[in-house]
PDB file of N, CA and C in Angstrom:
ATOM      1  N   MET A   1      33.838  -2.466  10.199  1.00  0.00           N
ATOM      2  CA  MET A   1      33.314  -1.384   9.409  1.00  0.00           C
ATOM      3  C   MET A   1      32.662  -0.370  10.346  1.00  0.00           C
ATOM      4  N   ARG A   2      33.074   0.884  10.227  1.00  0.00           N
ATOM      5  CA  ARG A   2      32.529   1.936  11.083  1.00  0.00           C
ATOM      6  C   ARG A   2      31.253   2.502  10.489  1.00  0.00           C
ATOM      7  N   PRO A   3      30.275   2.849  11.339  1.00  0.00           N
ATOM      8  CA  PRO A   3      29.063   3.484  10.814  1.00  0.00           C
ATOM      9  C   PRO A   3      29.409   4.829  10.193  1.00  0.00           C
ATOM     10  N   GLN A   4      28.748   5.134   9.114  1.00  0.00           N
ATOM     11  CA  GLN A   4      29.010   6.391   8.440  1.00  0.00           C
ATOM     12  C   GLN A   4      28.210   7.503   9.080  1.00  0.00           C
ATOM     13  N   LYS A   5      28.802   8.670   9.070  1.00  0.00           N
ATOM     14  CA  LYS A   5      28.169   9.849   9.627  1.00  0.00           C
ATOM     15  C   LYS A   5      27.022  10.292   8.729  1.00  0.00           C
ATOM     16  N   LYS A   6      25.895  10.669   9.327  1.00  0.00           N
ATOM     17  CA  LYS A   6      24.762  11.159   8.541  1.00  0.00           C
ATOM     18  C   LYS A   6      25.098  12.525   7.969  1.00  0.00           C
ATOM     19  N   THR A   7      24.751  12.692   6.728  1.00  0.00           N
ATOM     20  CA  THR A   7      24.928  13.991   6.092  1.00  0.00           C
ATOM     21  C   THR A   7      23.574  14.474   5.613  1.00  0.00           C
ATOM     22  N   SER A   8      23.511  15.721   5.220  1.00  0.00           N
ATOM     23  CA  SER A   8      22.243  16.237   4.707  1.00  0.00           C
ATOM     24  C   SER A   8      21.835  15.497   3.449  1.00  0.00           C
ATOM     25  N   GLN A   9      22.816  15.003   2.680  1.00  0.00           N
ATOM     26  CA  GLN A   9      22.505  14.254   1.463  1.00  0.00           C
ATOM     27  C   GLN A   9      21.812  12.938   1.802  1.00  0.00           C
ATOM     28  N   SER A  10      22.266  12.239   2.825  1.00  0.00           N
ATOM     29  CA  SER A  10      21.626  10.965   3.181  1.00  0.00           C
ATOM     30  C   SER A  10      20.202  11.192   3.678  1.00  0.00           C
ATOM     31  N   VAL A  11      19.949  12.290   4.343  1.00  0.00           N
ATOM     32  CA  VAL A  11      18.602  12.611   4.800  1.00  0.00           C
ATOM     33  C   VAL A  11      17.701  12.892   3.602  1.00  0.00           C
ATOM     34  N   LEU A  12      18.205  13.595   2.607  1.00  0.00           N
ATOM     35  CA  LEU A  12      17.420  13.882   1.416  1.00  0.00           C
ATOM     36  C   LEU A  12      17.056  12.610   0.669  1.00  0.00           C
ATOM     37  N   ILE A  13      17.979  11.694   0.565  1.00  0.00           N
ATOM     38  CA  ILE A  13      17.700  10.435  -0.135  1.00  0.00           C
ATOM     39  C   ILE A  13      16.620   9.666   0.610  1.00  0.00           C
ATOM     40  N   ARG A  14      16.728   9.600   1.922  1.00  0.00           N
ATOM     41  CA  ARG A  14      15.715   8.883   2.697  1.00  0.00           C
ATOM     42  C   ARG A  14      14.349   9.541   2.547  1.00  0.00           C
ATOM     43  N   GLY A  15      14.295  10.865   2.549  1.00  0.00           N
ATOM     44  CA  GLY A  15      13.035  11.580   2.419  1.00  0.00           C
ATOM     45  C   GLY A  15      12.386  11.400   1.061  1.00  0.00           C
ATOM     46  N   ALA A  16      13.191  11.062   0.052  1.00  0.00           N
ATOM     47  CA  ALA A  16      12.672  10.897  -1.305  1.00  0.00           C
ATOM     48  C   ALA A  16      12.161   9.480  -1.560  1.00  0.00           C
ATOM     49  N   MET A  17      12.334   8.567  -0.608  1.00  0.00           N
ATOM     50  CA  MET A  17      11.929   7.184  -0.800  1.00  0.00           C
ATOM     51  C   MET A  17      10.416   7.079  -0.966  1.00  0.00           C
ATOM     52  N   GLU A  18       9.999   6.267  -1.894  1.00  0.00           N
ATOM     53  CA  GLU A  18       8.571   6.017  -2.080  1.00  0.00           C
ATOM     54  C   GLU A  18       8.216   4.661  -1.499  1.00  0.00           C
ATOM     55  N   HIS A  19       6.984   4.562  -1.015  1.00  0.00           N
ATOM     56  CA  HIS A  19       6.454   3.313  -0.484  1.00  0.00           C
ATOM     57  C   HIS A  19       5.462   2.756  -1.494  1.00  0.00           C
ATOM     58  N   LEU A  20       5.362   1.440  -1.541  1.00  0.00           N
ATOM     59  CA  LEU A  20       4.450   0.775  -2.468  1.00  0.00           C
ATOM     60  C   LEU A  20       3.295   0.160  -1.677  1.00  0.00           C
ATOM     61  N   TYR A  21       2.087   0.431  -2.153  1.00  0.00           N
ATOM     62  CA  TYR A  21       0.866  -0.048  -1.514  1.00  0.00           C
ATOM     63  C   TYR A  21       0.016  -0.807  -2.528  1.00  0.00           C
ATOM     64  N   LEU A  22      -0.829  -1.711  -2.035  1.00  0.00           N
ATOM     65  CA  LEU A  22      -1.853  -2.342  -2.850  1.00  0.00           C
ATOM     66  C   LEU A  22      -3.174  -1.687  -2.482  1.00  0.00           C
ATOM     67  N   VAL A  23      -3.979  -1.386  -3.504  1.00  0.00           N
ATOM     68  CA  VAL A  23      -5.218  -0.630  -3.312  1.00  0.00           C
ATOM     69  C   VAL A  23      -6.354  -1.304  -4.079  1.00  0.00           C
ATOM     70  N   VAL A  24      -7.572  -1.221  -3.548  1.00  0.00           N
ATOM     71  CA  VAL A  24      -8.784  -1.639  -4.260  1.00  0.00           C
ATOM     72  C   VAL A  24      -9.797  -0.504  -4.163  1.00  0.00           C
ATOM     73  N   ASN A  25     -10.748  -0.492  -5.072  1.00  0.00           N
ATOM     74  CA  ASN A  25     -11.850   0.458  -5.016  1.00  0.00           C
ATOM     75  C   ASN A  25     -13.020  -0.186  -4.309  1.00  0.00           C
ATOM     76  N   CYS A  26     -13.669   0.572  -3.438  1.00  0.00           N
ATOM     77  CA  CYS A  26     -14.845   0.064  -2.736  1.00  0.00           C
ATOM     78  C   CYS A  26     -15.923  -0.289  -3.761  1.00  0.00           C
ATOM     79  N   LYS A  27     -16.632  -1.395  -3.515  1.00  0.00           N
ATOM     80  CA  LYS A  27     -17.670  -1.873  -4.437  1.00  0.00           C
ATOM     81  C   LYS A  27     -19.074  -1.387  -4.096  1.00  0.00           C
ATOM     82  N   THR A  28     -19.243  -0.711  -2.985  1.00  0.00           N
ATOM     83  CA  THR A  28     -20.569  -0.224  -2.615  1.00  0.00           C
ATOM     84  C   THR A  28     -21.012   0.843  -3.610  1.00  0.00           C
ATOM     85  N   PRO A  29     -22.202   0.685  -4.217  1.00  0.00           N
ATOM     86  CA  PRO A  29     -22.676   1.714  -5.156  1.00  0.00           C
ATOM     87  C   PRO A  29     -22.665   3.103  -4.510  1.00  0.00           C
ATOM     88  N   GLY A  30     -22.070   4.050  -5.199  1.00  0.00           N
ATOM     89  CA  GLY A  30     -21.996   5.421  -4.705  1.00  0.00           C
ATOM     90  C   GLY A  30     -20.784   5.719  -3.846  1.00  0.00           C
ATOM     91  N   CYS A  31     -20.102   4.699  -3.353  1.00  0.00           N
ATOM     92  CA  CYS A  31     -18.893   4.913  -2.550  1.00  0.00           C
ATOM     93  C   CYS A  31     -17.711   5.024  -3.504  1.00  0.00           C
ATOM     94  N   THR A  32     -16.964   6.073  -3.398  1.00  0.00           N
ATOM     95  CA  THR A  32     -15.851   6.294  -4.331  1.00  0.00           C
ATOM     96  C   THR A  32     -14.490   6.113  -3.676  1.00  0.00           C
ATOM     97  N   ALA A  33     -14.460   5.481  -2.514  1.00  0.00           N
ATOM     98  CA  ALA A  33     -13.209   5.355  -1.769  1.00  0.00           C
ATOM     99  C   ALA A  33     -12.266   4.344  -2.408  1.00  0.00           C
ATOM    100  N   GLY A  34     -11.006   4.721  -2.472  1.00  0.00           N
ATOM    101  CA  GLY A  34      -9.932   3.789  -2.784  1.00  0.00           C
ATOM    102  C   GLY A  34      -9.388   3.324  -1.446  1.00  0.00           C
ATOM    103  N   CYS A  35      -9.237   2.032  -1.259  1.00  0.00           N
ATOM    104  CA  CYS A  35      -8.850   1.482   0.038  1.00  0.00           C
ATOM    105  C   CYS A  35      -7.456   0.878  -0.033  1.00  0.00           C
ATOM    106  N   VAL A  36      -6.564   1.368   0.798  1.00  0.00           N
ATOM    107  CA  VAL A  36      -5.222   0.790   0.892  1.00  0.00           C
ATOM    108  C   VAL A  36      -5.355  -0.498   1.690  1.00  0.00           C
ATOM    109  N   ILE A  37      -4.955  -1.608   1.073  1.00  0.00           N
ATOM    110  CA  ILE A  37      -5.128  -2.894   1.749  1.00  0.00           C
ATOM    111  C   ILE A  37      -3.819  -3.514   2.233  1.00  0.00           C
ATOM    112  N   LYS A  38      -2.690  -3.064   1.652  1.00  0.00           N
ATOM    113  CA  LYS A  38      -1.411  -3.649   2.067  1.00  0.00           C
ATOM    114  C   LYS A  38      -0.264  -2.699   1.759  1.00  0.00           C
ATOM    115  N   HIS A  39       0.657  -2.604   2.703  1.00  0.00           N
ATOM    116  CA  HIS A  39       1.903  -1.858   2.507  1.00  0.00           C
ATOM    117  C   HIS A  39       2.976  -2.889   2.177  1.00  0.00           C
ATOM    118  N   LEU A  40       3.610  -2.726   1.024  1.00  0.00           N
ATOM    119  CA  LEU A  40       4.629  -3.684   0.591  1.00  0.00           C
ATOM    120  C   LEU A  40       6.036  -3.241   0.952  1.00  0.00           C
ATOM    121  N   GLY A  41       6.174  -2.039   1.492  1.00  0.00           N
ATOM    122  CA  GLY A  41       7.490  -1.533   1.864  1.00  0.00           C
ATOM    123  C   GLY A  41       8.001  -0.533   0.844  1.00  0.00           C
ATOM    124  N   PRO A  42       9.274  -0.221   0.927  1.00  0.00           N
ATOM    125  CA  PRO A  42       9.843   0.740  -0.012  1.00  0.00           C
ATOM    126  C   PRO A  42       9.729   0.253  -1.452  1.00  0.00           C
ATOM    127  N   TYR A  43       9.417   1.184  -2.343  1.00  0.00           N
ATOM    128  CA  TYR A  43       9.301   0.846  -3.765  1.00  0.00           C
ATOM    129  C   TYR A  43      10.695   0.602  -4.329  1.00  0.00           C
ATOM    130  N   ALA A  44      10.867  -0.525  -4.987  1.00  0.00           N
ATOM    131  CA  ALA A  44      12.151  -0.883  -5.575  1.00  0.00           C
ATOM    132  C   ALA A  44      11.960  -1.445  -6.985  1.00  0.00           C
ATOM    133  N   GLY A  45      10.996  -0.893  -7.711  1.00  0.00           N
ATOM    134  CA  GLY A  45      10.771  -1.322  -9.084  1.00  0.00           C
ATOM    135  C   GLY A  45       9.949  -2.595  -9.209  1.00  0.00           C
ATOM    136  N   GLN A  46       9.242  -2.984  -8.160  1.00  0.00           N
ATOM    137  CA  GLN A  46       8.446  -4.210  -8.214  1.00  0.00           C
ATOM    138  C   GLN A  46       7.419  -4.132  -9.348  1.00  0.00           C
ATOM    139  N   SER A  47       7.205  -5.276  -9.960  1.00  0.00           N
ATOM    140  CA  SER A  47       6.152  -5.377 -10.970  1.00  0.00           C
ATOM    141  C   SER A  47       5.310  -6.598 -10.636  1.00  0.00           C
ATOM    142  N   GLU A  48       4.186  -6.712 -11.309  1.00  0.00           N
ATOM    143  CA  GLU A  48       3.281  -7.832 -11.071  1.00  0.00           C
ATOM    144  C   GLU A  48       2.882  -7.930  -9.598  1.00  0.00           C
ATOM    145  N   VAL A  49       2.489  -6.815  -9.035  1.00  0.00           N
ATOM    146  CA  VAL A  49       2.137  -6.798  -7.612  1.00  0.00           C
ATOM    147  C   VAL A  49       0.872  -7.575  -7.300  1.00  0.00           C
ATOM    148  N   GLN A  50       0.035  -7.818  -8.291  1.00  0.00           N
ATOM    149  CA  GLN A  50      -1.189  -8.579  -8.029  1.00  0.00           C
ATOM    150  C   GLN A  50      -0.867  -9.974  -7.504  1.00  0.00           C
ATOM    151  N   LYS A  51       0.267 -10.528  -7.906  1.00  0.00           N
ATOM    152  CA  LYS A  51       0.645 -11.862  -7.439  1.00  0.00           C
ATOM    153  C   LYS A  51       0.996 -11.878  -5.962  1.00  0.00           C
ATOM    154  N   MET A  52       1.133 -10.703  -5.354  1.00  0.00           N
ATOM    155  CA  MET A  52       1.463 -10.608  -3.932  1.00  0.00           C
ATOM    156  C   MET A  52       0.221 -10.689  -3.049  1.00  0.00           C
ATOM    157  N   ALA A  53      -0.931 -10.915  -3.656  1.00  0.00           N
ATOM    158  CA  ALA A  53      -2.191 -10.985  -2.916  1.00  0.00           C
ATOM    159  C   ALA A  53      -2.824 -12.361  -3.112  1.00  0.00           C
ATOM    160  N   PRO A  54      -3.678 -12.781  -2.177  1.00  0.00           N
ATOM    161  CA  PRO A  54      -4.396 -14.041  -2.378  1.00  0.00           C
ATOM    162  C   PRO A  54      -5.326 -13.925  -3.586  1.00  0.00           C
ATOM    163  N   GLU A  55      -5.698 -15.060  -4.151  1.00  0.00           N
ATOM    164  CA  GLU A  55      -6.571 -15.043  -5.327  1.00  0.00           C
ATOM    165  C   GLU A  55      -7.902 -14.361  -5.018  1.00  0.00           C
ATOM    166  N   TRP A  56      -8.475 -14.649  -3.852  1.00  0.00           N
ATOM    167  CA  TRP A  56      -9.726 -14.030  -3.394  1.00  0.00           C
ATOM    168  C   TRP A  56      -9.552 -13.621  -1.940  1.00  0.00           C
ATOM    169  N   PHE A  57     -10.154 -12.507  -1.542  1.00  0.00           N
ATOM    170  CA  PHE A  57     -10.109 -12.085  -0.150  1.00  0.00           C
ATOM    171  C   PHE A  57     -11.286 -11.156   0.139  1.00  0.00           C
ATOM    172  N   GLU A  58     -11.685 -11.125   1.399  1.00  0.00           N
ATOM    173  CA  GLU A  58     -12.737 -10.207   1.831  1.00  0.00           C
ATOM    174  C   GLU A  58     -12.083  -8.996   2.464  1.00  0.00           C
ATOM    175  N   PHE A  59     -12.705  -7.835   2.254  1.00  0.00           N
ATOM    176  CA  PHE A  59     -12.178  -6.604   2.846  1.00  0.00           C
ATOM    177  C   PHE A  59     -13.324  -5.684   3.222  1.00  0.00           C
ATOM    178  N   ARG A  60     -13.257  -5.166   4.428  1.00  0.00           N
ATOM    179  CA  ARG A  60     -14.237  -4.192   4.915  1.00  0.00           C
ATOM    180  C   ARG A  60     -13.512  -2.855   4.957  1.00  0.00           C
ATOM    181  N   GLY A  61     -13.963  -1.945   4.168  1.00  0.00           N
ATOM    182  CA  GLY A  61     -13.222  -0.689   4.154  1.00  0.00           C
ATOM    183  C   GLY A  61     -14.000   0.415   3.492  1.00  0.00           C
ATOM    184  N   GLY A  62     -13.263   1.407   3.074  1.00  0.00           N
ATOM    185  CA  GLY A  62     -13.896   2.567   2.490  1.00  0.00           C
ATOM    186  C   GLY A  62     -14.633   3.344   3.560  1.00  0.00           C
ATOM    187  N   GLU A  63     -15.391   4.277   3.138  1.00  0.00           N
ATOM    188  CA  GLU A  63     -16.136   5.096   4.081  1.00  0.00           C
ATOM    189  C   GLU A  63     -17.410   4.402   4.555  1.00  0.00           C
ATOM    190  N   CYS A  64     -17.901   3.447   3.764  1.00  0.00           N
ATOM    191  CA  CYS A  64     -19.158   2.778   4.110  1.00  0.00           C
ATOM    192  C   CYS A  64     -18.964   1.615   5.083  1.00  0.00           C
ATOM    193  N   LYS A  65     -17.763   1.079   5.192  1.00  0.00           N
ATOM    194  CA  LYS A  65     -17.410  -0.028   6.097  1.00  0.00           C
ATOM    195  C   LYS A  65     -18.152  -1.328   5.793  1.00  0.00           C
ATOM    196  N   LYS A  66     -18.573  -1.511   4.535  1.00  0.00           N
ATOM    197  CA  LYS A  66     -19.252  -2.753   4.160  1.00  0.00           C
ATOM    198  C   LYS A  66     -18.228  -3.788   3.715  1.00  0.00           C
ATOM    199  N   LEU A  67     -18.560  -5.057   3.929  1.00  0.00           N
ATOM    200  CA  LEU A  67     -17.688  -6.164   3.583  1.00  0.00           C
ATOM    201  C   LEU A  67     -17.937  -6.586   2.134  1.00  0.00           C
ATOM    202  N   HIS A  68     -16.861  -6.719   1.358  1.00  0.00           N
ATOM    203  CA  HIS A  68     -16.966  -7.138  -0.037  1.00  0.00           C
ATOM    204  C   HIS A  68     -15.916  -8.207  -0.338  1.00  0.00           C
ATOM    205  N   LEU A  69     -16.195  -9.012  -1.329  1.00  0.00           N
ATOM    206  CA  LEU A  69     -15.263 -10.014  -1.815  1.00  0.00           C
ATOM    207  C   LEU A  69     -14.521  -9.439  -3.015  1.00  0.00           C
ATOM    208  N   TYR A  70     -13.204  -9.536  -2.995  1.00  0.00           N
ATOM    209  CA  TYR A  70     -12.362  -9.014  -4.074  1.00  0.00           C
ATOM    210  C   TYR A  70     -11.517 -10.130  -4.665  1.00  0.00           C
ATOM    211  N   SER A  71     -11.197  -9.995  -5.932  1.00  0.00           N
ATOM    212  CA  SER A  71     -10.253 -10.908  -6.566  1.00  0.00           C
ATOM    213  C   SER A  71      -8.929 -10.180  -6.744  1.00  0.00           C
ATOM    214  N   ARG A  72      -7.913 -10.937  -6.914  1.00  0.00           N
ATOM    215  CA  ARG A  72      -6.575 -10.394  -7.113  1.00  0.00           C
ATOM    216  C   ARG A  72      -6.531  -9.434  -8.305  1.00  0.00           C
ATOM    217  N   THR A  73      -7.362  -9.651  -9.304  1.00  0.00           N
ATOM    218  CA  THR A  73      -7.332  -8.808 -10.503  1.00  0.00           C
ATOM    219  C   THR A  73      -7.877  -7.400 -10.257  1.00  0.00           C
ATOM    220  N   GLU A  74      -8.537  -7.191  -9.113  1.00  0.00           N
ATOM    221  CA  GLU A  74      -9.096  -5.878  -8.800  1.00  0.00           C
ATOM    222  C   GLU A  74      -8.119  -4.970  -8.043  1.00  0.00           C
ATOM    223  N   ILE A  75      -6.945  -5.479  -7.768  1.00  0.00           N
ATOM    224  CA  ILE A  75      -5.931  -4.732  -7.025  1.00  0.00           C
ATOM    225  C   ILE A  75      -5.090  -3.909  -7.993  1.00  0.00           C
ATOM    226  N   TYR A  76      -4.725  -2.724  -7.559  1.00  0.00           N
ATOM    227  CA  TYR A  76      -3.772  -1.940  -8.340  1.00  0.00           C
ATOM    228  C   TYR A  76      -2.724  -1.349  -7.402  1.00  0.00           C
ATOM    229  N   PRO A  77      -1.523  -1.078  -7.927  1.00  0.00           N
ATOM    230  CA  PRO A  77      -0.459  -0.526  -7.086  1.00  0.00           C
ATOM    231  C   PRO A  77      -0.584   0.991  -6.951  1.00  0.00           C
ATOM    232  N   MET A  78      -0.070   1.505  -5.845  1.00  0.00           N
ATOM    233  CA  MET A  78      -0.001   2.944  -5.632  1.00  0.00           C
ATOM    234  C   MET A  78       1.334   3.241  -4.954  1.00  0.00           C
ATOM    235  N   ARG A  79       2.033   4.233  -5.469  1.00  0.00           N
ATOM    236  CA  ARG A  79       3.276   4.666  -4.834  1.00  0.00           C
ATOM    237  C   ARG A  79       3.016   5.997  -4.138  1.00  0.00           C
ATOM    238  N   ASN A  80       3.618   6.151  -2.953  1.00  0.00           N
ATOM    239  CA  ASN A  80       3.427   7.365  -2.179  1.00  0.00           C
ATOM    240  C   ASN A  80       4.669   7.592  -1.337  1.00  0.00           C
ATOM    241  N   ARG A  81       5.011   8.833  -1.123  1.00  0.00           N
ATOM    242  CA  ARG A  81       6.185   9.149  -0.299  1.00  0.00           C
ATOM    243  C   ARG A  81       5.913   8.999   1.183  1.00  0.00           C
ATOM    244  N   LYS A  82       4.653   8.888   1.557  1.00  0.00           N
ATOM    245  CA  LYS A  82       4.320   8.755   2.978  1.00  0.00           C
ATOM    246  C   LYS A  82       4.352   7.297   3.405  1.00  0.00           C
ATOM    247  N   ALA A  83       5.000   7.058   4.528  1.00  0.00           N
ATOM    248  CA  ALA A  83       4.982   5.729   5.135  1.00  0.00           C
ATOM    249  C   ALA A  83       3.622   5.542   5.805  1.00  0.00           C
ATOM    250  N   PRO A  84       3.190   4.301   5.996  1.00  0.00           N
ATOM    251  CA  PRO A  84       1.897   4.095   6.666  1.00  0.00           C
ATOM    252  C   PRO A  84       1.983   4.540   8.122  1.00  0.00           C
ATOM    253  N   PRO A  85       0.860   4.994   8.674  1.00  0.00           N
ATOM    254  CA  PRO A  85       0.863   5.369  10.097  1.00  0.00           C
ATOM    255  C   PRO A  85       1.072   4.129  10.965  1.00  0.00           C
ATOM    256  N   PRO A  86       1.555   4.309  12.191  1.00  0.00           N
ATOM    257  CA  PRO A  86       1.836   3.150  13.060  1.00  0.00           C
ATOM    258  C   PRO A  86       0.631   2.235  13.274  1.00  0.00           C
ATOM    259  N   GLU A  87      -0.581   2.769  13.245  1.00  0.00           N
ATOM    260  CA  GLU A  87      -1.765   1.946  13.506  1.00  0.00           C
ATOM    261  C   GLU A  87      -2.272   1.201  12.269  1.00  0.00           C
ATOM    262  N   PHE A  88      -1.636   1.406  11.085  1.00  0.00           N
ATOM    263  CA  PHE A  88      -2.086   0.742   9.865  1.00  0.00           C
ATOM    264  C   PHE A  88      -1.898  -0.772   9.978  1.00  0.00           C
ATOM    265  N   GLU A  89      -2.924  -1.519   9.543  1.00  0.00           N
ATOM    266  CA  GLU A  89      -2.836  -2.989   9.535  1.00  0.00           C
ATOM    267  C   GLU A  89      -3.114  -3.478   8.120  1.00  0.00           C
ATOM    268  N   ASN A  90      -2.243  -4.353   7.628  1.00  0.00           N
ATOM    269  CA  ASN A  90      -2.455  -4.961   6.313  1.00  0.00           C
ATOM    270  C   ASN A  90      -3.692  -5.851   6.349  1.00  0.00           C
ATOM    271  N   ALA A  91      -4.409  -5.907   5.233  1.00  0.00           N
ATOM    272  CA  ALA A  91      -5.624  -6.727   5.151  1.00  0.00           C
ATOM    273  C   ALA A  91      -5.306  -8.219   5.066  1.00  0.00           C
ATOM    274  N   PHE A  92      -4.144  -8.565   4.594  1.00  0.00           N
ATOM    275  CA  PHE A  92      -3.727  -9.978   4.509  1.00  0.00           C
ATOM    276  C   PHE A  92      -2.228 -10.057   4.593  1.00  0.00           C
TER     277      PHE A  92
END
């Protein structure tokens, strides 16, 4: 099988791809940061993303950088067209 030639259409499709992230809200009173804790890869209609996280986990994040304990039920999904930066590290 020969590799197919890139066309402008294939570039447009790739540019339209959305990424799926897991996010939590910082628990520090007054801190309103939403914290991206995990990149799950390209969005492909996944559901029940909370099951992709441990039941309980600690996370230091937001603008305040305080450590908090989170449960799986506090996670919500976020879709975005931007891929994570190279230095991004998943929380678990």
